[in-house]
Amino acid sequence: MIFRWRRAGARLAVAVLVAGGVAGCVPAYEEPVGDDACAVQPTDEEAAAEPELIAIEHDDYKAEHIGRTADGRQFFLTEPFERDRGFVALYLFDADGTLDEARIDPDADGLYERRLTELGAVTYGRIAVKPFEVDRFGLTFGLVSRIPEGGGGIRWVSAEPGDYMAFTAPWDCGLYDT
């Protein structure tokens, strides 16, 4: 079983992927309603398709600092890692979900908080962005789309480096595996 966490009011709800199946979701980047919002199973073709947009639901865990800036851009502030190296990554996207800017630096005292402050006034909430890759420090950062070897034809989009958030179809679900 793989657990998927999402914010549901003041509590965390769990939707479970059943062996051999993939959880689904409601269409069109709207706020999911109820605990069964991601229970629709995609077809094999949908599970293998390259996503145009990946929805990420705001939560109190890995997607705590996502939303929109005052100028309407979408943002994702996160902490990717590779072995014993940590990083702070601030990804900024236009309103259509295309990556505008990637500010990626080795983790340092107070850097995460400084990046958050640099954003100014923000509204936390669901975002929908295109998969992307950025090469820095000899590593690939971003929301990387691929069908892993032995993956049974199911495409994953994972937050890299560190593979610390993983998304599958339907891409508008907004939930992730860790």
Protein backbone atom coordinates (compact mmCIF):
# COMPACT_ATOMS: atom_id res chain seq x y z
CA MET A 1 0.00 0.00 0.00
CA ILE A 2 1.11 3.53 -0.73
CA PHE A 3 -0.36 6.33 1.33
CA ARG A 4 -1.29 9.65 -0.23
CA TRP A 5 -1.75 12.59 2.11
CA ARG A 6 -3.86 15.65 1.48
CA ARG A 7 -5.22 18.46 3.50
CA ALA A 8 -8.92 18.18 4.24
CA GLY A 9 -9.92 21.11 6.38
CA ALA A 10 -7.99 20.94 9.63
CA ARG A 11 -7.13 17.25 9.31
CA LEU A 12 -5.11 15.05 7.02
CA ALA A 13 -7.08 12.49 5.09
CA VAL A 14 -5.61 9.35 3.59
CA ALA A 15 -6.47 7.82 0.26
CA VAL A 16 -4.89 4.44 -0.31
CA LEU A 17 -3.60 3.09 -3.60
CA VAL A 18 -4.55 -0.55 -3.92
CA ALA A 19 -1.97 -2.97 -5.30
CA GLY A 20 -2.25 -3.03 -9.08
CA GLY A 21 -4.34 0.13 -9.20
CA VAL A 22 -3.79 3.85 -9.17
CA ALA A 23 -5.92 6.40 -7.36
CA GLY A 24 -7.86 8.91 -9.42
CA CYS A 25 -9.31 12.33 -8.87
CA VAL A 26 -11.88 14.88 -9.92
CA PRO A 27 -11.45 16.68 -13.26
CA ALA A 28 -10.34 20.25 -13.91
CA TYR A 29 -8.03 21.60 -11.17
CA GLU A 30 -10.84 22.21 -8.72
CA GLU A 31 -10.63 21.58 -5.00
CA PRO A 32 -11.38 17.89 -4.39
CA VAL A 33 -14.58 17.27 -2.47
CA GLY A 34 -14.84 14.51 0.13
CA ASP A 35 -12.52 11.65 0.93
CA ASP A 36 -13.35 9.81 -2.34
CA ALA A 37 -12.24 12.71 -4.56
CA CYS A 38 -9.23 10.74 -5.84
CA ALA A 39 -10.84 7.33 -6.17
CA VAL A 40 -11.32 7.21 -9.97
CA GLN A 41 -8.88 4.80 -11.59
CA PRO A 42 -7.25 6.04 -14.84
CA THR A 43 -7.04 3.90 -17.96
CA ASP A 44 -3.68 2.36 -18.91
CA GLU A 45 -3.34 5.02 -21.61
CA GLU A 46 -3.97 7.83 -19.09
CA ALA A 47 -1.50 6.28 -16.63
CA ALA A 48 1.26 6.28 -19.28
CA ALA A 49 0.51 9.67 -20.87
CA GLU A 50 2.87 12.62 -20.51
CA PRO A 51 1.09 15.18 -18.31
CA GLU A 52 0.51 18.73 -19.49
CA LEU A 53 0.07 19.99 -15.94
CA ILE A 54 0.65 18.53 -12.49
CA ALA A 55 -1.65 19.73 -9.74
CA ILE A 56 -0.15 20.00 -6.27
CA GLU A 57 -2.52 20.33 -3.36
CA HIS A 58 -1.38 22.58 -0.52
CA ASP A 59 -0.78 20.64 2.71
CA ASP A 60 1.16 20.82 5.97
CA TYR A 61 3.93 18.49 4.79
CA LYS A 62 6.04 18.61 1.59
CA ALA A 63 3.66 21.06 -0.14
CA GLU A 64 3.40 23.52 2.74
CA HIS A 65 4.84 26.45 0.80
CA ILE A 66 3.01 26.45 -2.54
CA GLY A 67 0.55 28.95 -3.91
CA ARG A 68 0.47 32.30 -5.71
CA THR A 69 2.42 35.49 -5.35
CA ALA A 70 0.81 38.95 -5.37
CA ASP A 71 1.64 39.32 -9.09
CA GLY A 72 -0.24 36.07 -9.91
CA ARG A 73 2.74 33.77 -10.39
CA GLN A 74 2.63 30.28 -8.92
CA PHE A 75 5.41 29.22 -6.58
CA PHE A 76 6.80 26.08 -4.97
CA LEU A 77 9.39 26.43 -2.19
CA THR A 78 10.96 23.10 -1.33
CA GLU A 79 14.01 21.29 0.04
CA PRO A 80 15.38 18.74 -2.43
CA PHE A 81 18.27 16.52 -1.34
CA GLU A 82 20.89 14.15 -2.65
CA ARG A 83 22.59 11.79 -0.21
CA ASP A 84 24.00 14.07 2.48
CA ARG A 85 23.58 17.33 0.52
CA GLY A 86 20.52 19.48 1.05
CA PHE A 87 19.25 22.33 -1.11
CA VAL A 88 16.66 25.07 -1.02
CA ALA A 89 14.73 25.46 -4.27
CA LEU A 90 12.26 28.20 -5.07
CA TYR A 91 10.46 27.54 -8.34
CA LEU A 92 8.41 30.35 -9.87
CA PHE A 93 5.88 29.67 -12.63
CA ASP A 94 3.71 31.88 -14.81
CA ALA A 95 -0.07 31.69 -14.51
CA ASP A 96 -0.13 28.88 -17.15
CA GLY A 97 2.28 26.72 -15.12
CA THR A 98 5.45 27.24 -17.19
CA LEU A 99 8.65 27.55 -15.17
CA ASP A 100 9.85 31.18 -15.11
CA GLU A 101 12.69 30.95 -12.64
CA ALA A 102 14.49 28.43 -10.45
CA ARG A 103 16.47 29.73 -7.47
CA ILE A 104 18.44 26.73 -6.23
CA ASP A 105 21.20 26.91 -3.64
CA PRO A 106 22.89 24.60 -1.15
CA ASP A 107 21.01 24.71 2.13
CA ALA A 108 22.32 27.30 4.58
CA ASP A 109 21.12 28.69 7.88
CA GLY A 110 18.08 30.84 7.30
CA LEU A 111 18.04 30.46 3.49
CA TYR A 112 14.63 28.77 3.38
CA GLU A 113 13.06 31.58 5.44
CA ARG A 114 14.80 34.24 3.31
CA ARG A 115 13.40 32.69 0.12
CA LEU A 116 9.94 32.67 1.67
CA THR A 117 10.29 36.33 2.68
CA GLU A 118 11.50 37.27 -0.84
CA LEU A 119 8.12 36.20 -2.19
CA GLY A 120 6.33 38.99 -0.34
CA ALA A 121 2.59 38.61 0.14
CA VAL A 122 1.44 35.17 -0.94
CA THR A 123 -1.73 33.11 -0.97
CA TYR A 124 -1.17 29.46 -0.12
CA GLY A 125 -3.17 26.95 -2.13
CA ARG A 126 -3.33 24.47 -4.96
CA ILE A 127 -1.07 25.01 -7.98
CA ALA A 128 -0.97 23.42 -11.44
CA VAL A 129 2.44 23.42 -13.18
CA LYS A 130 4.18 21.78 -16.12
CA PRO A 131 6.86 19.13 -15.52
CA PHE A 132 10.34 20.65 -15.80
CA GLU A 133 14.04 19.90 -15.33
CA VAL A 134 16.87 22.24 -14.32
CA ASP A 135 20.51 21.16 -14.11
CA ARG A 136 22.49 22.63 -11.20
CA PHE A 137 25.40 21.36 -9.11
CA GLY A 138 25.71 18.31 -11.38
CA LEU A 139 22.14 17.23 -10.48
CA THR A 140 18.72 17.36 -12.11
CA PHE A 141 16.18 19.41 -10.14
CA GLY A 142 12.48 19.80 -10.82
CA LEU A 143 9.32 17.82 -11.41
CA VAL A 144 10.75 15.13 -13.64
CA SER A 145 8.46 12.96 -15.78
CA ARG A 146 9.37 9.36 -16.61
CA ILE A 147 8.20 5.76 -16.87
CA PRO A 148 10.62 3.81 -14.66
CA GLU A 149 12.06 0.47 -15.77
CA GLY A 150 9.70 -2.22 -14.62
CA GLY A 151 7.12 0.48 -13.89
CA GLY A 152 4.40 -1.41 -15.73
CA GLY A 153 3.77 1.51 -18.08
CA ILE A 154 2.76 3.89 -15.30
CA ARG A 155 4.30 7.34 -15.62
CA TRP A 156 5.55 9.11 -12.52
CA VAL A 157 6.46 12.74 -12.05
CA SER A 158 8.82 13.08 -9.12
CA ALA A 159 10.36 15.99 -7.25
CA GLU A 160 14.10 15.66 -7.80
CA PRO A 161 16.68 15.22 -6.58
CA GLY A 162 15.62 12.95 -3.77
CA ASP A 163 12.41 11.59 -5.28
CA TYR A 164 10.60 13.00 -2.24
CA MET A 165 7.23 13.65 -3.89
CA ALA A 166 5.82 11.40 -6.61
CA PHE A 167 2.69 12.03 -8.67
CA THR A 168 0.75 9.68 -10.97
CA ALA A 169 -2.31 10.01 -13.19
CA PRO A 170 -4.80 11.51 -13.01
CA TRP A 171 -2.58 14.57 -13.03
CA ASP A 172 -5.23 16.93 -11.72
CA CYS A 173 -5.60 15.00 -8.46
CA GLY A 174 -3.07 17.10 -6.56
CA LEU A 175 -1.95 14.33 -4.23
CA TYR A 176 1.48 12.76 -4.02
CA ASP A 177 3.30 9.72 -2.64
CA THR A 178 6.39 10.03 -0.47
